[in-house]
Amino acid sequence: MTKLTNVKLTKPIIFFDLEATGTNPQVDRIVEICVAKLHPGGESEVKTRRINPGVPIPLEATEIHGIRNEDVANEPAFSAIAASLYMYFEGCDIAGYNIIRYDVPLLVAEFKRAGFNFTSDGRRVIDAQNIFHKMEPRTLSAAYSFFCGKDLDNAHSAEADVLATVAVLDGEFTKYPKLTRDLDELHEFCNPSDPNSIDKTGKFKWNEHNEAVVAFGKNKGILLKDIATKNPNFLSWMLKMDFTDDAKKIAKDALSGKFPSR
């Protein structure tokens, strides 16, 4: 039985997690939802259901959660379960990991598209990630104490911070023996690359048909060729904004009828 052993509940609390088509809660869609509802009397139930997002699931998302387009082809749309799910959450507090920044906004957006005004107002929202980060600070001083076993004197002076960082990295190698010692591999570990990104920051990506698409904002998933002909102002806007040079070059080339090929 799923339960909290150190907290006394006064009303039901739902722990939930969402898998989706991407990481933008305003535009991406849910492909799977799992809820664990804990009651004050100790009863609990866990339910998991897959959802047809109505849009293609990008390969990079599938590589993370393992859910393919064919896996959800015969599943219901979110709108089909929205009413029952809305009632299931009624009167409950909510909890999860990173739900404040991601899962809650994504769920709110999906409910809104289905015609329901779901909100966290009036609910207690517990985020285990926020607790973890507040209890285990991510500052250099905290890292120095954790990996080196001593306090960092003169923190925020350039020399002290540089020397502390050397010691922290060396301590990380000791703490995590499986961490690669090869600097090329360590670079990839610190800067994971997306094989589908066309530019360095992933503003343009290859879709499952190896066609260039926009990968951000309200035009996410639209073919670059279609954007160039139907909405060239978007690409002109990119040229004026603070995007990387390689992303701007792709936009500029598209405006002149030149498109990347894989």
Protein backbone atom coordinates (compact mmCIF):
# COMPACT_ATOMS: atom_id res chain seq x y z
CA MET A 1 0.00 0.00 0.00
CA THR A 2 1.27 3.46 -0.92
CA LYS A 3 1.27 5.74 2.11
CA LEU A 4 2.96 8.60 3.93
CA THR A 5 4.27 7.41 7.27
CA ASN A 6 5.45 10.78 8.61
CA VAL A 7 2.55 13.07 7.73
CA LYS A 8 -1.00 13.09 9.04
CA LEU A 9 -3.43 13.90 6.25
CA THR A 10 -6.56 15.98 6.86
CA LYS A 11 -7.88 15.49 3.33
CA PRO A 12 -6.88 13.43 0.30
CA ILE A 13 -3.66 14.27 -1.49
CA ILE A 14 -2.86 13.27 -5.07
CA PHE A 15 0.70 12.62 -6.15
CA PHE A 16 0.88 12.83 -9.92
CA ASP A 17 3.34 12.74 -12.78
CA LEU A 18 2.93 13.55 -16.46
CA GLU A 19 4.78 12.33 -19.54
CA ALA A 20 4.41 14.60 -22.52
CA THR A 21 5.43 15.49 -26.05
CA GLY A 22 8.02 17.96 -24.76
CA THR A 23 9.13 20.23 -21.95
CA ASN A 24 7.07 23.36 -22.64
CA PRO A 25 3.95 23.15 -20.44
CA GLN A 26 2.13 25.79 -22.49
CA VAL A 27 2.32 24.06 -25.87
CA ASP A 28 3.15 20.39 -25.29
CA ARG A 29 0.58 17.67 -24.70
CA ILE A 30 0.20 14.87 -22.16
CA VAL A 31 0.80 11.30 -23.36
CA GLU A 32 0.59 9.57 -19.97
CA ILE A 33 -0.64 10.47 -16.50
CA CYS A 34 -0.18 8.57 -13.26
CA VAL A 35 -1.97 9.51 -10.04
CA ALA A 36 -1.58 8.10 -6.55
CA LYS A 37 -4.43 9.23 -4.30
CA LEU A 38 -3.77 8.95 -0.58
CA HIS A 39 -6.68 9.25 1.86
CA PRO A 40 -6.61 10.35 5.52
CA GLY A 41 -7.77 6.91 6.63
CA GLY A 42 -4.75 5.23 5.04
CA GLU A 43 -6.43 3.94 1.88
CA SER A 44 -4.76 4.62 -1.44
CA GLU A 45 -5.13 3.87 -5.10
CA VAL A 46 -2.74 4.25 -8.04
CA LYS A 47 -4.00 4.78 -11.57
CA THR A 48 -2.06 5.16 -14.81
CA ARG A 49 -3.52 5.97 -18.21
CA ARG A 50 -2.05 6.82 -21.58
CA ILE A 51 -3.51 9.62 -23.68
CA ASN A 52 -3.53 10.37 -27.39
CA PRO A 53 -2.00 13.86 -27.57
CA GLY A 54 -3.46 14.58 -31.00
CA VAL A 55 -0.02 15.62 -32.27
CA PRO A 56 3.07 13.57 -33.20
CA ILE A 57 5.36 12.60 -30.31
CA PRO A 58 8.88 13.85 -31.13
CA LEU A 59 11.62 11.24 -31.20
CA GLU A 60 13.55 13.02 -28.45
CA ALA A 61 10.52 12.76 -26.15
CA THR A 62 10.08 9.06 -26.94
CA GLU A 63 13.74 8.49 -26.10
CA ILE A 64 13.04 9.81 -22.61
CA HIS A 65 9.74 8.13 -21.67
CA GLY A 66 9.60 5.32 -24.24
CA ILE A 67 6.08 6.13 -25.46
CA ARG A 68 5.68 6.02 -29.26
CA ASN A 69 2.95 7.37 -31.52
CA GLU A 70 1.64 3.85 -32.13
CA ASP A 71 1.43 3.25 -28.38
CA VAL A 72 -1.21 5.96 -27.96
CA ALA A 73 -2.96 5.77 -31.34
CA ASN A 74 -6.02 4.04 -29.86
CA GLU A 75 -6.02 5.85 -26.51
CA PRO A 76 -8.56 8.58 -25.67
CA ALA A 77 -7.85 12.27 -26.09
CA PHE A 78 -7.43 14.31 -22.90
CA SER A 79 -10.80 15.95 -23.54
CA ALA A 80 -12.46 12.53 -23.26
CA ILE A 81 -11.21 11.98 -19.70
CA ALA A 82 -11.11 15.61 -18.56
CA ALA A 83 -14.46 15.60 -16.73
CA SER A 84 -13.78 12.46 -14.68
CA LEU A 85 -10.19 13.53 -13.96
CA TYR A 86 -11.36 16.98 -12.88
CA MET A 87 -13.76 15.39 -10.38
CA TYR A 88 -11.05 12.99 -9.19
CA PHE A 89 -8.86 15.97 -8.22
CA GLU A 90 -11.76 17.82 -6.59
CA GLY A 91 -11.09 18.62 -2.91
CA CYS A 92 -7.57 17.21 -2.96
CA ASP A 93 -4.17 18.65 -2.23
CA ILE A 94 -1.54 17.82 -4.85
CA ALA A 95 2.08 16.70 -4.73
CA GLY A 96 4.86 15.52 -7.00
CA TYR A 97 8.40 16.15 -8.17
CA ASN A 98 8.98 19.39 -10.12
CA ILE A 99 5.21 19.85 -10.42
CA ILE A 100 5.21 23.58 -9.64
CA ARG A 101 7.27 24.49 -12.71
CA TYR A 102 6.13 21.74 -15.06
CA ASP A 103 3.33 19.28 -14.25
CA VAL A 104 0.83 21.73 -12.75
CA PRO A 105 1.09 24.29 -15.60
CA LEU A 106 0.85 21.48 -18.16
CA LEU A 107 -2.23 20.00 -16.47
CA VAL A 108 -3.85 23.44 -16.19
CA ALA A 109 -3.24 24.05 -19.92
CA GLU A 110 -4.73 20.68 -20.91
CA PHE A 111 -7.80 21.25 -18.76
CA LYS A 112 -8.23 24.73 -20.24
CA ARG A 113 -8.21 23.31 -23.77
CA ALA A 114 -10.88 20.85 -22.64
CA GLY A 115 -13.03 23.65 -21.20
CA PHE A 116 -12.25 23.21 -17.48
CA ASN A 117 -10.81 25.84 -15.15
CA PHE A 118 -8.44 23.66 -13.14
CA THR A 119 -6.37 25.60 -10.62
CA SER A 120 -4.04 25.02 -7.71
CA ASP A 121 -5.78 27.82 -5.77
CA GLY A 122 -7.20 26.50 -2.51
CA ARG A 123 -4.99 23.42 -2.63
CA ARG A 124 -1.79 22.74 -0.76
CA VAL A 125 0.89 22.04 -3.36
CA ILE A 126 3.87 19.98 -2.20
CA ASP A 127 6.89 19.72 -4.49
CA ALA A 128 9.52 17.20 -3.38
CA GLN A 129 12.09 18.71 -5.75
CA ASN A 130 11.79 22.15 -4.16
CA ILE A 131 12.21 20.60 -0.72
CA PHE A 132 15.29 18.72 -1.92
CA HIS A 133 16.88 21.81 -3.42
CA LYS A 134 16.19 23.93 -0.35
CA MET A 135 17.49 21.30 2.04
CA GLU A 136 20.55 20.61 -0.14
CA PRO A 137 21.71 24.01 -1.44
CA ARG A 138 23.39 24.04 -4.87
CA THR A 139 25.88 26.83 -4.14
CA LEU A 140 29.63 26.41 -4.57
CA SER A 141 30.05 26.74 -0.79
CA ALA A 142 27.60 23.88 -0.23
CA ALA A 143 29.33 21.74 -2.87
CA TYR A 144 32.74 22.46 -1.31
CA SER A 145 31.46 21.43 2.10
CA PHE A 146 29.84 18.27 0.68
CA PHE A 147 32.72 17.06 -1.48
CA CYS A 148 35.68 18.42 0.46
CA GLY A 149 34.42 18.22 4.02
CA LYS A 150 35.28 21.79 5.04
CA ASP A 151 33.94 25.32 4.86
CA LEU A 152 34.84 27.63 1.99
CA ASP A 153 36.59 30.74 3.28
CA ASN A 154 36.36 33.95 1.24
CA ALA A 155 33.46 32.68 -0.84
CA HIS A 156 32.67 34.87 -3.86
CA SER A 157 36.23 36.07 -4.21
CA ALA A 158 37.40 34.98 -7.66
CA GLU A 159 40.51 33.12 -6.54
CA ALA A 160 38.80 31.27 -3.69
CA ASP A 161 35.94 30.22 -5.99
CA VAL A 162 38.26 28.99 -8.74
CA LEU A 163 40.39 26.94 -6.34
CA ALA A 164 37.28 25.58 -4.66
CA THR A 165 35.86 24.50 -8.02
CA VAL A 166 39.05 22.56 -8.77
CA ALA A 167 38.70 20.80 -5.42
CA VAL A 168 34.98 20.15 -5.97
CA LEU A 169 35.56 18.55 -9.38
CA ASP A 170 38.30 16.38 -7.94
CA GLY A 171 35.97 15.45 -5.10
CA GLU A 172 33.26 14.52 -7.57
CA PHE A 173 35.59 12.03 -9.21
CA THR A 174 36.18 10.48 -5.79
CA LYS A 175 32.52 10.51 -4.79
CA TYR A 176 31.30 9.08 -8.10
CA PRO A 177 33.80 6.43 -9.25
CA LYS A 178 31.68 5.65 -12.33
CA LEU A 179 31.97 9.24 -13.55
CA THR A 180 34.09 9.26 -16.71
CA ARG A 181 37.64 10.63 -16.53
CA ASP A 182 37.78 11.21 -20.28
CA LEU A 183 37.38 14.93 -20.95
CA ASP A 184 35.60 14.40 -24.29
CA GLU A 185 33.06 12.15 -22.59
CA LEU A 186 32.83 14.55 -19.65
CA HIS A 187 32.09 17.38 -22.07
CA GLU A 188 29.20 15.37 -23.56
CA PHE A 189 27.97 14.55 -20.05
CA CYS A 190 27.90 18.25 -19.11
CA ASN A 191 26.52 19.35 -22.46
CA PRO A 192 24.21 16.60 -23.73
CA SER A 193 23.59 17.02 -27.44
CA ASP A 194 20.29 16.43 -29.18
CA PRO A 195 20.89 14.44 -32.37
CA ASN A 196 17.83 16.09 -33.91
CA SER A 197 18.95 19.68 -33.32
CA ILE A 198 20.02 21.57 -36.41
CA ASP A 199 21.44 24.58 -34.55
CA LYS A 200 23.30 24.60 -31.24
CA THR A 201 20.35 25.73 -29.14
CA GLY A 202 17.76 23.50 -30.82
CA LYS A 203 15.53 26.25 -32.20
CA PHE A 204 15.27 24.20 -35.38
CA LYS A 205 15.15 20.41 -35.38
CA TRP A 206 14.70 17.42 -37.67
CA ASN A 207 11.33 15.72 -37.40
CA GLU A 208 10.71 12.01 -37.82
CA HIS A 209 10.76 12.47 -41.61
CA ASN A 210 14.14 14.27 -41.50
CA GLU A 211 12.49 17.57 -42.37
CA ALA A 212 13.51 20.84 -40.71
CA VAL A 213 10.87 22.19 -38.30
CA VAL A 214 10.61 25.05 -35.83
CA ALA A 215 11.18 23.65 -32.34
CA PHE A 216 9.93 26.40 -30.03
CA GLY A 217 7.02 28.73 -29.33
CA LYS A 218 3.61 28.72 -30.97
CA ASN A 219 5.10 27.53 -34.29
CA LYS A 220 6.69 24.47 -32.74
CA GLY A 221 6.51 21.47 -35.06
CA ILE A 222 5.71 23.47 -38.20
CA LEU A 223 7.87 22.76 -41.24
CA LEU A 224 10.51 25.41 -41.87
CA LYS A 225 9.48 25.49 -45.53
CA ASP A 226 5.89 26.25 -44.54
CA ILE A 227 6.97 28.98 -42.14
CA ALA A 228 9.09 30.59 -44.88
CA THR A 229 6.15 30.80 -47.27
CA LYS A 230 3.17 31.28 -44.94
CA ASN A 231 4.67 33.18 -42.02
CA PRO A 232 7.96 34.80 -43.09
CA ASN A 233 7.52 37.54 -40.48
CA PHE A 234 8.35 34.97 -37.83
CA LEU A 235 11.77 34.34 -39.39
CA SER A 236 12.33 38.08 -39.86
CA TRP A 237 11.53 38.52 -36.18
CA MET A 238 14.16 35.90 -35.28
CA LEU A 239 16.80 37.88 -37.17
CA LYS A 240 16.13 40.89 -34.95
CA MET A 241 16.16 39.01 -31.66
CA ASP A 242 18.90 37.52 -29.47
CA PHE A 243 19.21 34.10 -31.11
CA THR A 244 22.50 32.37 -31.85
CA ASP A 245 24.24 33.08 -35.15
CA ASP A 246 23.66 29.57 -36.50
CA ALA A 247 19.91 29.78 -35.75
CA LYS A 248 19.75 33.19 -37.46
CA LYS A 249 21.58 31.82 -40.50
CA ILE A 250 18.99 29.05 -40.86
CA ALA A 251 16.21 31.64 -40.63
CA LYS A 252 17.93 33.96 -43.11
CA ASP A 253 18.58 31.14 -45.60
CA ALA A 254 14.96 29.98 -45.32
CA LEU A 255 13.75 33.47 -46.21
CA SER A 256 15.79 33.26 -49.41
CA GLY A 257 14.49 29.76 -50.23
CA LYS A 258 17.46 27.76 -48.96
CA PHE A 259 16.74 25.00 -46.45
CA PRO A 260 19.00 22.61 -44.49
CA SER A 261 19.17 18.96 -45.51
CA ARG A 262 20.11 16.06 -43.30
